[in-house]
C-alpha atoms as a PDB file:
ATOM      1  CA  UNK A   1       0.692 -27.227  -1.968  1.00  0.00           C
ATOM      2  CA  UNK A   2       0.554 -30.347   0.220  1.00  0.00           C
ATOM      3  CA  UNK A   3      -2.023 -33.107   0.304  1.00  0.00           C
ATOM      4  CA  UNK A   4      -4.876 -32.759   2.917  1.00  0.00           C
ATOM      5  CA  UNK A   5      -3.926 -36.007   4.453  1.00  0.00           C
ATOM      6  CA  UNK A   6      -0.713 -34.371   5.905  1.00  0.00           C
ATOM      7  CA  UNK A   7      -2.797 -32.253   8.141  1.00  0.00           C
ATOM      8  CA  UNK A   8      -3.542 -35.059  10.504  1.00  0.00           C
ATOM      9  CA  UNK A   9       0.186 -36.125  10.798  1.00  0.00           C
ATOM     10  CA  UNK A  10       1.922 -35.007  14.050  1.00  0.00           C
ATOM     11  CA  UNK A  11       4.989 -33.960  12.455  1.00  0.00           C
ATOM     12  CA  UNK A  12       3.158 -31.695   9.980  1.00  0.00           C
ATOM     13  CA  UNK A  13       0.905 -30.318  12.783  1.00  0.00           C
ATOM     14  CA  UNK A  14       3.930 -29.290  14.642  1.00  0.00           C
ATOM     15  CA  UNK A  15       5.177 -27.170  11.624  1.00  0.00           C
ATOM     16  CA  UNK A  16       1.704 -25.678  11.427  1.00  0.00           C
ATOM     17  CA  UNK A  17       1.720 -24.930  15.177  1.00  0.00           C
ATOM     18  CA  UNK A  18       5.048 -23.108  14.859  1.00  0.00           C
ATOM     19  CA  UNK A  19       3.826 -21.289  11.853  1.00  0.00           C
ATOM     20  CA  UNK A  20       0.712 -20.056  13.890  1.00  0.00           C
ATOM     21  CA  UNK A  21       2.904 -18.956  16.726  1.00  0.00           C
ATOM     22  CA  UNK A  22       5.196 -16.889  14.465  1.00  0.00           C
ATOM     23  CA  UNK A  23       3.000 -15.596  11.707  1.00  0.00           C
ATOM     24  CA  UNK A  24      -0.751 -16.327  12.522  1.00  0.00           C
ATOM     25  CA  UNK A  25      -3.133 -17.851  10.002  1.00  0.00           C
ATOM     26  CA  UNK A  26      -4.606 -14.481   8.648  1.00  0.00           C
ATOM     27  CA  UNK A  27      -2.890 -14.103   5.338  1.00  0.00           C
ATOM     28  CA  UNK A  28      -4.510 -11.961   2.635  1.00  0.00           C
ATOM     29  CA  UNK A  29      -3.258 -14.145  -0.218  1.00  0.00           C
ATOM     30  CA  UNK A  30      -4.353 -17.429   1.464  1.00  0.00           C
ATOM     31  CA  UNK A  31      -0.867 -18.977   1.811  1.00  0.00           C
ATOM     32  CA  UNK A  32       0.977 -19.979   4.910  1.00  0.00           C
ATOM     33  CA  UNK A  33       4.577 -19.341   5.897  1.00  0.00           C
ATOM     34  CA  UNK A  34       6.120 -22.430   7.232  1.00  0.00           C
ATOM     35  CA  UNK A  35       9.096 -21.262   9.524  1.00  0.00           C
ATOM     36  CA  UNK A  36      11.759 -23.988   8.763  1.00  0.00           C
ATOM     37  CA  UNK A  37      14.337 -24.284   6.095  1.00  0.00           C
ATOM     38  CA  UNK A  38      13.298 -25.832   2.784  1.00  0.00           C
ATOM     39  CA  UNK A  39      15.332 -28.971   3.185  1.00  0.00           C
ATOM     40  CA  UNK A  40      13.676 -29.600   6.634  1.00  0.00           C
ATOM     41  CA  UNK A  41      10.170 -29.195   4.988  1.00  0.00           C
ATOM     42  CA  UNK A  42      11.113 -31.566   2.302  1.00  0.00           C
ATOM     43  CA  UNK A  43      12.329 -34.164   4.795  1.00  0.00           C
ATOM     44  CA  UNK A  44       9.191 -34.019   6.796  1.00  0.00           C
ATOM     45  CA  UNK A  45       6.905 -34.184   3.883  1.00  0.00           C
ATOM     46  CA  UNK A  46       8.857 -37.007   2.252  1.00  0.00           C
ATOM     47  CA  UNK A  47       8.383 -39.092   5.408  1.00  0.00           C
ATOM     48  CA  UNK A  48       4.671 -38.611   5.090  1.00  0.00           C
ATOM     49  CA  UNK A  49       4.279 -40.093   1.666  1.00  0.00           C
END
């Protein structure tokens, strides 16, 4: 889970856009797959705090 405030950040929007391109947003369980290594995701989200 990520804070909703991240959704307006350009770096996080780029991850969401890449996710949409690769996987789409129609997931039966409601989760999203972010197509990047975990350390990259942690780096991006830590900069947003």
